[in-house]
PDB file of N, CA and C in Angstrom:
ATOM      1  N   MET A   1     -21.410 -46.748  76.956  1.00  0.00           N
ATOM      2  CA  MET A   1     -21.049 -47.307  78.311  1.00  0.00           C
ATOM      3  C   MET A   1     -19.371 -47.706  78.734  1.00  0.00           C
ATOM      4  N   ASP A   2     -19.047 -47.173  79.634  1.00  0.00           N
ATOM      5  CA  ASP A   2     -17.348 -47.216  79.761  1.00  0.00           C
ATOM      6  C   ASP A   2     -16.836 -48.503  80.032  1.00  0.00           C
ATOM      7  N   ASN A   3     -15.577 -48.819  80.641  1.00  0.00           N
ATOM      8  CA  ASN A   3     -15.478 -49.969  80.247  1.00  0.00           C
ATOM      9  C   ASN A   3     -15.717 -51.002  81.703  1.00  0.00           C
ATOM     10  N   LEU A   4     -15.392 -50.116  83.045  1.00  0.00           N
ATOM     11  CA  LEU A   4     -15.989 -50.642  84.319  1.00  0.00           C
ATOM     12  C   LEU A   4     -17.107 -51.336  84.123  1.00  0.00           C
ATOM     13  N   GLU A   5     -17.916 -50.481  83.708  1.00  0.00           N
ATOM     14  CA  GLU A   5     -20.136 -50.687  83.529  1.00  0.00           C
ATOM     15  C   GLU A   5     -19.301 -52.105  82.550  1.00  0.00           C
ATOM     16  N   THR A   6     -18.778 -52.125  81.268  1.00  0.00           N
ATOM     17  CA  THR A   6     -18.488 -53.372  80.943  1.00  0.00           C
ATOM     18  C   THR A   6     -17.681 -54.531  81.188  1.00  0.00           C
ATOM     19  N   ILE A   7     -16.718 -54.602  82.352  1.00  0.00           N
ATOM     20  CA  ILE A   7     -16.764 -55.541  82.902  1.00  0.00           C
ATOM     21  C   ILE A   7     -17.495 -56.183  84.291  1.00  0.00           C
ATOM     22  N   LYS A   8     -17.763 -55.162  84.386  1.00  0.00           N
ATOM     23  CA  LYS A   8     -19.480 -55.607  85.784  1.00  0.00           C
ATOM     24  C   LYS A   8     -20.481 -56.529  85.244  1.00  0.00           C
ATOM     25  N   LYS A   9     -20.848 -56.224  83.487  1.00  0.00           N
ATOM     26  CA  LYS A   9     -21.591 -56.665  82.601  1.00  0.00           C
ATOM     27  C   LYS A   9     -21.644 -57.878  82.516  1.00  0.00           C
ATOM     28  N   THR A  10     -20.194 -58.289  82.146  1.00  0.00           N
ATOM     29  CA  THR A  10     -19.833 -59.554  81.619  1.00  0.00           C
ATOM     30  C   THR A  10     -19.636 -60.123  83.305  1.00  0.00           C
ATOM     31  N   ALA A  11     -19.040 -59.690  84.266  1.00  0.00           N
ATOM     32  CA  ALA A  11     -19.085 -60.890  85.813  1.00  0.00           C
ATOM     33  C   ALA A  11     -20.184 -61.146  85.860  1.00  0.00           C
ATOM     34  N   SER A  12     -21.618 -60.094  85.532  1.00  0.00           N
ATOM     35  CA  SER A  12     -23.284 -60.905  86.041  1.00  0.00           C
ATOM     36  C   SER A  12     -23.568 -61.931  85.038  1.00  0.00           C
ATOM     37  N   LEU A  13     -23.419 -61.649  84.466  1.00  0.00           N
ATOM     38  CA  LEU A  13     -23.276 -62.889  83.305  1.00  0.00           C
ATOM     39  C   LEU A  13     -22.769 -64.481  83.639  1.00  0.00           C
ATOM     40  N   VAL A  14     -21.466 -63.881  83.461  1.00  0.00           N
ATOM     41  CA  VAL A  14     -20.869 -65.386  84.270  1.00  0.00           C
ATOM     42  C   VAL A  14     -21.415 -65.982  85.288  1.00  0.00           C
ATOM     43  N   ASN A  15     -21.108 -65.049  86.508  1.00  0.00           N
ATOM     44  CA  ASN A  15     -21.830 -65.324  87.528  1.00  0.00           C
ATOM     45  C   ASN A  15     -23.282 -65.837  87.958  1.00  0.00           C
ATOM     46  N   ASN A  16     -23.985 -65.241  86.528  1.00  0.00           N
ATOM     47  CA  ASN A  16     -25.584 -65.349  87.060  1.00  0.00           C
ATOM     48  C   ASN A  16     -26.069 -64.609  88.104  1.00  0.00           C
ATOM     49  N   ILE A  17     -25.639 -63.362  88.387  1.00  0.00           N
ATOM     50  CA  ILE A  17     -26.288 -62.339  89.018  1.00  0.00           C
ATOM     51  C   ILE A  17     -26.717 -61.270  87.956  1.00  0.00           C
ATOM     52  N   SER A  18     -27.812 -60.225  89.059  1.00  0.00           N
ATOM     53  CA  SER A  18     -27.770 -59.151  88.651  1.00  0.00           C
ATOM     54  C   SER A  18     -26.907 -58.077  88.994  1.00  0.00           C
ATOM     55  N   ILE A  19     -26.753 -57.196  87.993  1.00  0.00           N
ATOM     56  CA  ILE A  19     -25.611 -56.057  88.032  1.00  0.00           C
ATOM     57  C   ILE A  19     -25.972 -55.203  90.091  1.00  0.00           C
ATOM     58  N   LYS A  20     -27.230 -55.399  89.925  1.00  0.00           N
ATOM     59  CA  LYS A  20     -27.700 -54.666  91.119  1.00  0.00           C
ATOM     60  C   LYS A  20     -26.915 -55.786  92.611  1.00  0.00           C
ATOM     61  N   GLU A  21     -27.038 -57.116  92.323  1.00  0.00           N
ATOM     62  CA  GLU A  21     -26.568 -57.716  93.796  1.00  0.00           C
ATOM     63  C   GLU A  21     -25.378 -57.486  93.595  1.00  0.00           C
ATOM     64  N   LEU A  22     -24.606 -57.438  92.152  1.00  0.00           N
ATOM     65  CA  LEU A  22     -22.856 -57.028  92.403  1.00  0.00           C
ATOM     66  C   LEU A  22     -22.178 -55.642  92.886  1.00  0.00           C
ATOM     67  N   GLU A  23     -23.497 -54.920  93.050  1.00  0.00           N
ATOM     68  CA  GLU A  23     -23.244 -53.241  93.181  1.00  0.00           C
ATOM     69  C   GLU A  23     -23.475 -53.368  95.017  1.00  0.00           C
ATOM     70  N   SER A  24     -24.432 -54.299  96.006  1.00  0.00           N
ATOM     71  CA  SER A  24     -24.730 -54.507  96.769  1.00  0.00           C
ATOM     72  C   SER A  24     -23.560 -54.917  97.662  1.00  0.00           C
ATOM     73  N   LYS A  25     -23.894 -54.584  99.178  1.00  0.00           N
ATOM     74  CA  LYS A  25     -22.763 -54.588 100.001  1.00  0.00           C
ATOM     75  C   LYS A  25     -23.421 -56.082 100.381  1.00  0.00           C
ATOM     76  N   THR A  26     -23.708 -56.961 100.312  1.00  0.00           N
ATOM     77  CA  THR A  26     -23.996 -58.453 100.831  1.00  0.00           C
ATOM     78  C   THR A  26     -22.754 -58.745 100.828  1.00  0.00           C
ATOM     79  N   ARG A  27     -22.463 -59.946 101.295  1.00  0.00           N
ATOM     80  CA  ARG A  27     -21.627 -60.652 101.905  1.00  0.00           C
ATOM     81  C   ARG A  27     -21.719 -62.341 101.178  1.00  0.00           C
ATOM     82  N   LEU A  28     -22.305 -62.486 100.649  1.00  0.00           N
ATOM     83  CA  LEU A  28     -22.180 -63.698 100.075  1.00  0.00           C
ATOM     84  C   LEU A  28     -21.408 -63.955  99.491  1.00  0.00           C
ATOM     85  N   ARG A  29     -20.756 -64.920  99.454  1.00  0.00           N
ATOM     86  CA  ARG A  29     -19.621 -65.845  99.217  1.00  0.00           C
ATOM     87  C   ARG A  29     -19.644 -65.350  97.452  1.00  0.00           C
ATOM     88  N   TYR A  30     -20.531 -65.796  96.513  1.00  0.00           N
ATOM     89  CA  TYR A  30     -20.794 -66.045  95.326  1.00  0.00           C
ATOM     90  C   TYR A  30     -20.872 -64.670  94.287  1.00  0.00           C
ATOM     91  N   ILE A  31     -20.975 -63.419  95.265  1.00  0.00           N
ATOM     92  CA  ILE A  31     -21.779 -61.846  95.011  1.00  0.00           C
ATOM     93  C   ILE A  31     -20.164 -61.834  95.272  1.00  0.00           C
ATOM     94  N   VAL A  32     -19.582 -61.794  96.342  1.00  0.00           N
ATOM     95  CA  VAL A  32     -18.208 -61.424  96.814  1.00  0.00           C
ATOM     96  C   VAL A  32     -17.020 -61.829  95.454  1.00  0.00           C
ATOM     97  N   ASP A  33     -17.271 -63.040  95.499  1.00  0.00           N
ATOM     98  CA  ASP A  33     -16.175 -63.447  94.258  1.00  0.00           C
ATOM     99  C   ASP A  33     -16.166 -62.419  93.208  1.00  0.00           C
ATOM    100  N   ALA A  34     -17.886 -62.651  92.841  1.00  0.00           N
ATOM    101  CA  ALA A  34     -17.743 -62.152  91.375  1.00  0.00           C
ATOM    102  C   ALA A  34     -17.244 -60.408  91.345  1.00  0.00           C
ATOM    103  N   ARG A  35     -17.454 -59.877  92.412  1.00  0.00           N
ATOM    104  CA  ARG A  35     -17.302 -57.937  92.584  1.00  0.00           C
ATOM    105  C   ARG A  35     -15.754 -58.204  92.795  1.00  0.00           C
ATOM    106  N   ARG A  36     -14.996 -59.252  93.849  1.00  0.00           N
ATOM    107  CA  ARG A  36     -13.345 -59.442  93.746  1.00  0.00           C
ATOM    108  C   ARG A  36     -12.739 -59.992  91.680  1.00  0.00           C
ATOM    109  N   MET A  37     -13.612 -59.863  91.689  1.00  0.00           N
ATOM    110  CA  MET A  37     -13.232 -60.919  90.048  1.00  0.00           C
ATOM    111  C   MET A  37     -13.316 -59.060  89.391  1.00  0.00           C
ATOM    112  N   VAL A  38     -14.313 -58.216  89.486  1.00  0.00           N
ATOM    113  CA  VAL A  38     -13.914 -57.293  88.592  1.00  0.00           C
ATOM    114  C   VAL A  38     -12.993 -56.442  89.321  1.00  0.00           C
ATOM    115  N   PHE A  39     -12.870 -56.506  90.649  1.00  0.00           N
ATOM    116  CA  PHE A  39     -11.706 -55.501  90.911  1.00  0.00           C
ATOM    117  C   PHE A  39     -10.660 -55.500  90.189  1.00  0.00           C
ATOM    118  N   ALA A  40     -10.061 -57.008  90.330  1.00  0.00           N
ATOM    119  CA  ALA A  40      -8.983 -57.785  89.342  1.00  0.00           C
ATOM    120  C   ALA A  40      -8.711 -57.345  88.251  1.00  0.00           C
ATOM    121  N   VAL A  41      -9.968 -57.444  87.364  1.00  0.00           N
ATOM    122  CA  VAL A  41      -9.881 -57.167  86.240  1.00  0.00           C
ATOM    123  C   VAL A  41      -9.632 -55.399  85.846  1.00  0.00           C
ATOM    124  N   ALA A  42     -10.148 -54.613  86.614  1.00  0.00           N
ATOM    125  CA  ALA A  42     -10.242 -53.135  86.310  1.00  0.00           C
ATOM    126  C   ALA A  42      -8.345 -52.741  86.799  1.00  0.00           C
ATOM    127  N   ARG A  43      -7.942 -53.545  87.861  1.00  0.00           N
ATOM    128  CA  ARG A  43      -6.972 -53.216  88.162  1.00  0.00           C
ATOM    129  C   ARG A  43      -6.034 -53.316  87.342  1.00  0.00           C
ATOM    130  N   THR A  44      -6.170 -54.731  86.483  1.00  0.00           N
ATOM    131  CA  THR A  44      -4.545 -54.934  85.649  1.00  0.00           C
ATOM    132  C   THR A  44      -4.708 -54.915  84.540  1.00  0.00           C
ATOM    133  N   LEU A  45      -6.401 -54.661  83.638  1.00  0.00           N
ATOM    134  CA  LEU A  45      -6.552 -54.249  82.339  1.00  0.00           C
ATOM    135  C   LEU A  45      -6.659 -53.063  82.189  1.00  0.00           C
ATOM    136  N   LEU A  46      -7.677 -52.293  82.642  1.00  0.00           N
ATOM    137  CA  LEU A  46      -7.436 -51.158  82.727  1.00  0.00           C
ATOM    138  C   LEU A  46      -6.428 -50.199  83.737  1.00  0.00           C
ATOM    139  N   GLY A  47      -5.938 -50.446  84.469  1.00  0.00           N
ATOM    140  CA  GLY A  47      -5.122 -49.750  85.241  1.00  0.00           C
ATOM    141  C   GLY A  47      -5.418 -49.031  85.538  1.00  0.00           C
ATOM    142  N   MET A  48      -6.764 -49.382  86.791  1.00  0.00           N
ATOM    143  CA  MET A  48      -7.678 -48.562  87.750  1.00  0.00           C
ATOM    144  C   MET A  48      -6.743 -48.283  88.933  1.00  0.00           C
ATOM    145  N   SER A  49      -6.578 -47.180  89.665  1.00  0.00           N
ATOM    146  CA  SER A  49      -5.805 -47.408  90.879  1.00  0.00           C
ATOM    147  C   SER A  49      -6.662 -47.637  92.175  1.00  0.00           C
ATOM    148  N   TYR A  50      -5.933 -48.363  92.943  1.00  0.00           N
ATOM    149  CA  TYR A  50      -7.246 -48.391  94.364  1.00  0.00           C
ATOM    150  C   TYR A  50      -8.705 -47.838  94.371  1.00  0.00           C
ATOM    151  N   LEU A  51      -7.659 -46.327  94.610  1.00  0.00           N
ATOM    152  CA  LEU A  51      -8.879 -45.325  95.091  1.00  0.00           C
ATOM    153  C   LEU A  51      -9.764 -45.138  93.994  1.00  0.00           C
ATOM    154  N   GLN A  52      -9.784 -45.078  92.413  1.00  0.00           N
ATOM    155  CA  GLN A  52     -10.559 -44.807  91.457  1.00  0.00           C
ATOM    156  C   GLN A  52     -11.787 -46.205  91.285  1.00  0.00           C
ATOM    157  N   ILE A  53     -11.376 -47.585  91.680  1.00  0.00           N
ATOM    158  CA  ILE A  53     -11.950 -48.335  92.033  1.00  0.00           C
ATOM    159  C   ILE A  53     -13.278 -48.076  93.151  1.00  0.00           C
ATOM    160  N   ALA A  54     -12.178 -48.347  94.021  1.00  0.00           N
ATOM    161  CA  ALA A  54     -13.145 -47.831  95.776  1.00  0.00           C
ATOM    162  C   ALA A  54     -14.372 -46.843  95.286  1.00  0.00           C
ATOM    163  N   LYS A  55     -13.655 -45.581  94.729  1.00  0.00           N
ATOM    164  CA  LYS A  55     -15.137 -44.862  94.765  1.00  0.00           C
ATOM    165  C   LYS A  55     -16.287 -44.962  93.402  1.00  0.00           C
ATOM    166  N   ARG A  56     -16.174 -45.764  92.723  1.00  0.00           N
ATOM    167  CA  ARG A  56     -16.843 -46.203  91.559  1.00  0.00           C
ATOM    168  C   ARG A  56     -17.485 -47.295  92.516  1.00  0.00           C
ATOM    169  N   PHE A  57     -17.508 -48.143  93.360  1.00  0.00           N
ATOM    170  CA  PHE A  57     -18.097 -49.001  94.036  1.00  0.00           C
ATOM    171  C   PHE A  57     -18.648 -48.500  95.201  1.00  0.00           C
ATOM    172  N   ASN A  58     -18.266 -47.109  95.890  1.00  0.00           N
ATOM    173  CA  ASN A  58     -18.583 -46.850  97.023  1.00  0.00           C
ATOM    174  C   ASN A  58     -18.026 -47.396  98.416  1.00  0.00           C
ATOM    175  N   MET A  59     -16.667 -47.501  97.654  1.00  0.00           N
ATOM    176  CA  MET A  59     -15.636 -48.823  99.459  1.00  0.00           C
ATOM    177  C   MET A  59     -14.168 -47.737  99.138  1.00  0.00           C
ATOM    178  N   ASN A  60     -14.183 -48.150 100.610  1.00  0.00           N
ATOM    179  CA  ASN A  60     -12.741 -47.511 101.232  1.00  0.00           C
ATOM    180  C   ASN A  60     -11.571 -48.552 100.260  1.00  0.00           C
ATOM    181  N   HIS A  61     -10.837 -47.457  99.699  1.00  0.00           N
ATOM    182  CA  HIS A  61      -9.735 -48.284  99.294  1.00  0.00           C
ATOM    183  C   HIS A  61      -8.857 -49.800  99.668  1.00  0.00           C
ATOM    184  N   ALA A  62      -8.525 -49.216 101.060  1.00  0.00           N
ATOM    185  CA  ALA A  62      -8.242 -50.780 101.855  1.00  0.00           C
ATOM    186  C   ALA A  62      -8.967 -51.730 101.151  1.00  0.00           C
ATOM    187  N   SER A  63     -10.591 -52.080 100.967  1.00  0.00           N
ATOM    188  CA  SER A  63     -11.230 -52.913 100.974  1.00  0.00           C
ATOM    189  C   SER A  63     -10.834 -53.372  99.637  1.00  0.00           C
ATOM    190  N   ILE A  64     -10.353 -52.498  98.428  1.00  0.00           N
ATOM    191  CA  ILE A  64      -9.723 -53.472  97.362  1.00  0.00           C
ATOM    192  C   ILE A  64      -8.851 -53.375  97.319  1.00  0.00           C
ATOM    193  N   ILE A  65      -7.727 -53.123  98.233  1.00  0.00           N
ATOM    194  CA  ILE A  65      -6.384 -53.727  98.156  1.00  0.00           C
ATOM    195  C   ILE A  65      -6.743 -55.040  98.712  1.00  0.00           C
ATOM    196  N   HIS A  66      -7.128 -55.230  99.683  1.00  0.00           N
ATOM    197  CA  HIS A  66      -7.416 -56.728 100.638  1.00  0.00           C
ATOM    198  C   HIS A  66      -8.174 -57.691  99.345  1.00  0.00           C
ATOM    199  N   HIS A  67      -8.966 -57.015  98.613  1.00  0.00           N
ATOM    200  CA  HIS A  67      -9.528 -58.126  97.635  1.00  0.00           C
ATOM    201  C   HIS A  67      -8.986 -58.072  96.359  1.00  0.00           C
ATOM    202  N   VAL A  68      -8.363 -57.529  96.045  1.00  0.00           N
ATOM    203  CA  VAL A  68      -7.297 -57.620  95.050  1.00  0.00           C
ATOM    204  C   VAL A  68      -5.839 -58.855  95.844  1.00  0.00           C
ATOM    205  N   LYS A  69      -5.569 -58.725  96.639  1.00  0.00           N
ATOM    206  CA  LYS A  69      -4.531 -60.065  97.290  1.00  0.00           C
ATOM    207  C   LYS A  69      -5.238 -61.438  97.517  1.00  0.00           C
ATOM    208  N   GLN A  70      -6.468 -61.062  97.776  1.00  0.00           N
ATOM    209  CA  GLN A  70      -7.166 -62.110  98.008  1.00  0.00           C
ATOM    210  C   GLN A  70      -7.762 -62.601  96.588  1.00  0.00           C
ATOM    211  N   HIS A  71      -7.515 -62.063  95.650  1.00  0.00           N
ATOM    212  CA  HIS A  71      -7.772 -62.543  94.599  1.00  0.00           C
ATOM    213  C   HIS A  71      -6.209 -63.544  93.505  1.00  0.00           C
ATOM    214  N   LYS A  72      -5.392 -63.351  94.136  1.00  0.00           N
ATOM    215  CA  LYS A  72      -3.992 -63.481  93.483  1.00  0.00           C
ATOM    216  C   LYS A  72      -4.248 -65.033  94.365  1.00  0.00           C
ATOM    217  N   ASN A  73      -4.592 -65.111  95.596  1.00  0.00           N
ATOM    218  CA  ASN A  73      -4.422 -66.438  96.806  1.00  0.00           C
ATOM    219  C   ASN A  73      -5.782 -67.469  95.510  1.00  0.00           C
ATOM    220  N   PHE A  74      -6.794 -66.786  95.629  1.00  0.00           N
ATOM    221  CA  PHE A  74      -8.097 -67.578  94.899  1.00  0.00           C
ATOM    222  C   PHE A  74      -7.420 -68.411  93.257  1.00  0.00           C
ATOM    223  N   ILE A  75      -6.462 -67.606  92.594  1.00  0.00           N
ATOM    224  CA  ILE A  75      -5.986 -67.643  91.331  1.00  0.00           C
ATOM    225  C   ILE A  75      -5.177 -69.106  91.904  1.00  0.00           C
ATOM    226  N   LYS A  76      -4.420 -69.016  92.346  1.00  0.00           N
ATOM    227  CA  LYS A  76      -3.277 -69.613  92.943  1.00  0.00           C
ATOM    228  C   LYS A  76      -4.059 -71.605  93.042  1.00  0.00           C
ATOM    229  N   TYR A  77      -4.974 -71.170  94.236  1.00  0.00           N
ATOM    230  CA  TYR A  77      -5.713 -72.634  94.614  1.00  0.00           C
ATOM    231  C   TYR A  77      -7.149 -72.811  94.272  1.00  0.00           C
ATOM    232  N   ASP A  78      -8.088 -71.982  93.850  1.00  0.00           N
ATOM    233  CA  ASP A  78      -9.420 -72.441  93.636  1.00  0.00           C
ATOM    234  C   ASP A  78      -9.762 -72.143  91.957  1.00  0.00           C
ATOM    235  N   VAL A  79      -9.999 -74.022  91.373  1.00  0.00           N
ATOM    236  CA  VAL A  79      -9.711 -73.793  89.979  1.00  0.00           C
ATOM    237  C   VAL A  79     -11.244 -73.463  89.399  1.00  0.00           C
ATOM    238  N   PHE A  80     -12.523 -73.304  90.408  1.00  0.00           N
ATOM    239  CA  PHE A  80     -13.592 -72.950  89.844  1.00  0.00           C
ATOM    240  C   PHE A  80     -13.223 -71.660  89.844  1.00  0.00           C
ATOM    241  N   TYR A  81     -12.859 -70.874  90.372  1.00  0.00           N
ATOM    242  CA  TYR A  81     -12.763 -69.511  90.513  1.00  0.00           C
ATOM    243  C   TYR A  81     -11.793 -68.632  89.410  1.00  0.00           C
ATOM    244  N   THR A  82     -10.358 -69.459  89.140  1.00  0.00           N
ATOM    245  CA  THR A  82     -10.389 -69.536  88.226  1.00  0.00           C
ATOM    246  C   THR A  82     -10.376 -69.220  86.985  1.00  0.00           C
ATOM    247  N   GLU A  83     -11.476 -70.266  86.503  1.00  0.00           N
ATOM    248  CA  GLU A  83     -12.207 -70.696  85.304  1.00  0.00           C
ATOM    249  C   GLU A  83     -12.831 -69.911  85.564  1.00  0.00           C
ATOM    250  N   LYS A  84     -14.017 -69.042  86.148  1.00  0.00           N
ATOM    251  CA  LYS A  84     -14.850 -68.142  85.952  1.00  0.00           C
ATOM    252  C   LYS A  84     -14.162 -66.418  85.364  1.00  0.00           C
ATOM    253  N   TYR A  85     -13.217 -66.606  86.659  1.00  0.00           N
ATOM    254  CA  TYR A  85     -12.704 -65.125  86.548  1.00  0.00           C
ATOM    255  C   TYR A  85     -11.501 -64.971  85.004  1.00  0.00           C
ATOM    256  N   ASN A  86     -10.873 -66.353  83.830  1.00  0.00           N
ATOM    257  CA  ASN A  86     -10.381 -66.436  83.031  1.00  0.00           C
ATOM    258  C   ASN A  86     -11.574 -66.307  81.771  1.00  0.00           C
ATOM    259  N   THR A  87     -13.096 -66.852  82.005  1.00  0.00           N
ATOM    260  CA  THR A  87     -13.908 -66.400  81.519  1.00  0.00           C
ATOM    261  C   THR A  87     -14.366 -65.210  81.532  1.00  0.00           C
ATOM    262  N   ILE A  88     -14.418 -64.689  82.237  1.00  0.00           N
ATOM    263  CA  ILE A  88     -15.006 -63.087  82.330  1.00  0.00           C
ATOM    264  C   ILE A  88     -13.681 -62.017  81.815  1.00  0.00           C
ATOM    265  N   LEU A  89     -12.419 -62.490  81.818  1.00  0.00           N
ATOM    266  CA  LEU A  89     -11.314 -61.691  81.195  1.00  0.00           C
ATOM    267  C   LEU A  89     -11.377 -61.680  80.085  1.00  0.00           C
ATOM    268  N   GLU A  90     -11.486 -62.880  79.117  1.00  0.00           N
ATOM    269  CA  GLU A  90     -11.371 -63.191  77.689  1.00  0.00           C
ATOM    270  C   GLU A  90     -12.733 -62.696  77.076  1.00  0.00           C
ATOM    271  N   LEU A  91     -14.073 -62.561  77.914  1.00  0.00           N
ATOM    272  CA  LEU A  91     -15.097 -61.677  77.199  1.00  0.00           C
ATOM    273  C   LEU A  91     -14.663 -60.621  76.863  1.00  0.00           C
ATOM    274  N   PHE A  92     -14.443 -59.765  78.275  1.00  0.00           N
ATOM    275  CA  PHE A  92     -14.049 -58.664  78.344  1.00  0.00           C
ATOM    276  C   PHE A  92     -13.263 -58.319  77.406  1.00  0.00           C
ATOM    277  N   LYS A  93     -11.827 -58.575  77.053  1.00  0.00           N
ATOM    278  CA  LYS A  93     -11.056 -58.348  75.616  1.00  0.00           C
ATOM    279  C   LYS A  93     -12.019 -58.380  74.882  1.00  0.00           C
ATOM    280  N   ASN A  94     -12.454 -59.394  74.416  1.00  0.00           N
ATOM    281  CA  ASN A  94     -13.392 -59.543  73.409  1.00  0.00           C
ATOM    282  C   ASN A  94     -14.133 -58.321  72.725  1.00  0.00           C
ATOM    283  N   GLU A  95     -14.886 -58.009  74.360  1.00  0.00           N
ATOM    284  CA  GLU A  95     -15.819 -56.855  74.102  1.00  0.00           C
ATOM    285  C   GLU A  95     -15.582 -55.775  73.703  1.00  0.00           C
ATOM    286  N   ILE A  96     -14.054 -55.184  74.216  1.00  0.00           N
ATOM    287  CA  ILE A  96     -13.540 -54.018  73.891  1.00  0.00           C
ATOM    288  C   ILE A  96     -12.483 -53.834  72.575  1.00  0.00           C
ATOM    289  N   GLY A  97     -11.832 -55.027  71.963  1.00  0.00           N
ATOM    290  CA  GLY A  97     -11.005 -55.301  70.916  1.00  0.00           C
ATOM    291  C   GLY A  97      -9.685 -55.739  71.603  1.00  0.00           C
ATOM    292  N   PHE A  98      -9.528 -55.848  72.545  1.00  0.00           N
ATOM    293  CA  PHE A  98      -7.719 -55.727  73.528  1.00  0.00           C
ATOM    294  C   PHE A  98      -7.168 -56.928  72.628  1.00  0.00           C
ATOM    295  N   VAL A  99      -5.979 -56.251  72.209  1.00  0.00           N
ATOM    296  CA  VAL A  99      -4.789 -57.135  71.390  1.00  0.00           C
ATOM    297  C   VAL A  99      -3.585 -56.752  72.304  1.00  0.00           C
ATOM    298  N   ASN A 100      -3.182 -58.311  72.654  1.00  0.00           N
ATOM    299  CA  ASN A 100      -2.051 -58.901  73.445  1.00  0.00           C
ATOM    300  C   ASN A 100      -1.056 -58.529  72.044  1.00  0.00           C
ATOM    301  N   THR A 101       0.815 -57.194  72.498  1.00  0.00           N
ATOM    302  CA  THR A 101       1.117 -56.882  71.611  1.00  0.00           C
ATOM    303  C   THR A 101       2.328 -58.184  71.318  1.00  0.00           C
ATOM    304  N   ASN A 102       2.391 -59.032  72.217  1.00  0.00           N
ATOM    305  CA  ASN A 102       3.071 -60.294  72.197  1.00  0.00           C
ATOM    306  C   ASN A 102       2.905 -61.137  71.272  1.00  0.00           C
ATOM    307  N   GLU A 103       1.271 -61.575  71.152  1.00  0.00           N
ATOM    308  CA  GLU A 103       0.480 -62.298  70.602  1.00  0.00           C
ATOM    309  C   GLU A 103       0.263 -61.881  69.031  1.00  0.00           C
ATOM    310  N   LEU A 104       0.155 -60.358  69.017  1.00  0.00           N
ATOM    311  CA  LEU A 104       0.340 -60.211  67.931  1.00  0.00           C
ATOM    312  C   LEU A 104       1.519 -59.707  66.985  1.00  0.00           C
ATOM    313  N   ILE A 105       2.517 -59.560  67.732  1.00  0.00           N
ATOM    314  CA  ILE A 105       4.144 -59.883  67.207  1.00  0.00           C
ATOM    315  C   ILE A 105       3.865 -61.274  66.514  1.00  0.00           C
ATOM    316  N   GLU A 106       3.780 -62.836  67.683  1.00  0.00           N
ATOM    317  CA  GLU A 106       3.896 -63.647  66.903  1.00  0.00           C
ATOM    318  C   GLU A 106       3.151 -64.190  65.459  1.00  0.00           C
ATOM    319  N   GLU A 107       2.339 -63.325  65.690  1.00  0.00           N
ATOM    320  CA  GLU A 107       1.120 -63.714  64.645  1.00  0.00           C
ATOM    321  C   GLU A 107       1.460 -63.360  63.446  1.00  0.00           C
ATOM    322  N   ILE A 108       2.317 -61.966  63.435  1.00  0.00           N
ATOM    323  CA  ILE A 108       2.928 -61.349  62.614  1.00  0.00           C
ATOM    324  C   ILE A 108       4.604 -62.069  61.590  1.00  0.00           C
ATOM    325  N   LYS A 109       5.131 -62.534  62.789  1.00  0.00           N
ATOM    326  CA  LYS A 109       6.110 -63.326  62.532  1.00  0.00           C
ATOM    327  C   LYS A 109       5.766 -64.613  61.370  1.00  0.00           C
ATOM    328  N   ARG A 110       4.497 -65.204  62.064  1.00  0.00           N
ATOM    329  CA  ARG A 110       4.353 -66.454  61.557  1.00  0.00           C
ATOM    330  C   ARG A 110       3.967 -66.220  60.169  1.00  0.00           C
ATOM    331  N   LEU A 111       2.968 -64.858  60.021  1.00  0.00           N
ATOM    332  CA  LEU A 111       2.666 -64.505  58.550  1.00  0.00           C
ATOM    333  C   LEU A 111       3.718 -64.312  57.501  1.00  0.00           C
ATOM    334  N   LYS A 112       5.012 -63.915  57.824  1.00  0.00           N
ATOM    335  CA  LYS A 112       5.557 -63.342  57.050  1.00  0.00           C
ATOM    336  C   LYS A 112       6.277 -64.700  56.476  1.00  0.00           C
ATOM    337  N   GLN A 113       6.963 -65.813  57.618  1.00  0.00           N
ATOM    338  CA  GLN A 113       7.145 -66.938  57.373  1.00  0.00           C
ATOM    339  C   GLN A 113       6.701 -67.541  56.690  1.00  0.00           C
ATOM    340  N   GLU A 114       5.200 -67.384  57.014  1.00  0.00           N
ATOM    341  CA  GLU A 114       4.413 -68.590  55.700  1.00  0.00           C
ATOM    342  C   GLU A 114       4.561 -67.481  54.418  1.00  0.00           C
ATOM    343  N   LEU A 115       4.781 -66.663  54.278  1.00  0.00           N
ATOM    344  CA  LEU A 115       4.442 -65.555  53.068  1.00  0.00           C
ATOM    345  C   LEU A 115       6.060 -65.789  52.277  1.00  0.00           C
ATOM    346  N   LYS A 116       7.182 -66.146  53.150  1.00  0.00           N
ATOM    347  CA  LYS A 116       8.330 -66.360  52.374  1.00  0.00           C
ATOM    348  C   LYS A 116       8.213 -67.731  51.952  1.00  0.00           C
ATOM    349  N   THR A 117       8.214 -68.194  53.049  1.00  0.00           N
ATOM    350  CA  THR A 117       7.674 -69.625  52.708  1.00  0.00           C
ATOM    351  C   THR A 117       6.219 -70.129  50.957  1.00  0.00           C
ATOM    352  N   ASN A 118       5.863 -69.311  50.522  1.00  0.00           N
ATOM    353  CA  ASN A 118       4.453 -69.699  49.355  1.00  0.00           C
ATOM    354  C   ASN A 118       5.847 -68.945  48.265  1.00  0.00           C
ATOM    355  N   ASN A 119       6.499 -67.645  48.669  1.00  0.00           N
ATOM    356  CA  ASN A 119       7.208 -67.169  47.567  1.00  0.00           C
ATOM    357  C   ASN A 119       8.273 -67.731  47.484  1.00  0.00           C
ATOM    358  N   ASN A 120       9.098 -69.054  47.607  1.00  0.00           N
ATOM    359  CA  ASN A 120      10.253 -69.802  47.503  1.00  0.00           C
ATOM    360  C   ASN A 120       9.714 -70.585  46.638  1.00  0.00           C
ATOM    361  N   GLU A 121       8.353 -71.358  46.681  1.00  0.00           N
ATOM    362  CA  GLU A 121       7.867 -72.329  45.993  1.00  0.00           C
ATOM    363  C   GLU A 121       7.638 -72.370  44.487  1.00  0.00           C
TER     364      GLU A 121
END
């Protein structure tokens, strides 16, 4: 299973919908929101282009651009949407073993400091 399929699966579970519903052309708000979240994760974490995402969903790239812009607005103003998105993001990161470089560097610094403290005792 590729990473986009993993994102779809995660978004479906978090939003309590089927993958078939997620991939459908329906305009129901809760399904469109789930789809929009998938687009945003694919864009930010996977670095997929608008065209690549559009091809995978059988859509026009302009629609993907629109959804990503809308996603940015929803993140700013819709707390419920943001919570669901963050849940998808964290679950997906755990699934693929994503490591944030800055977090890793901070953890190494902390461990070095702890080791230095233990050696001084």
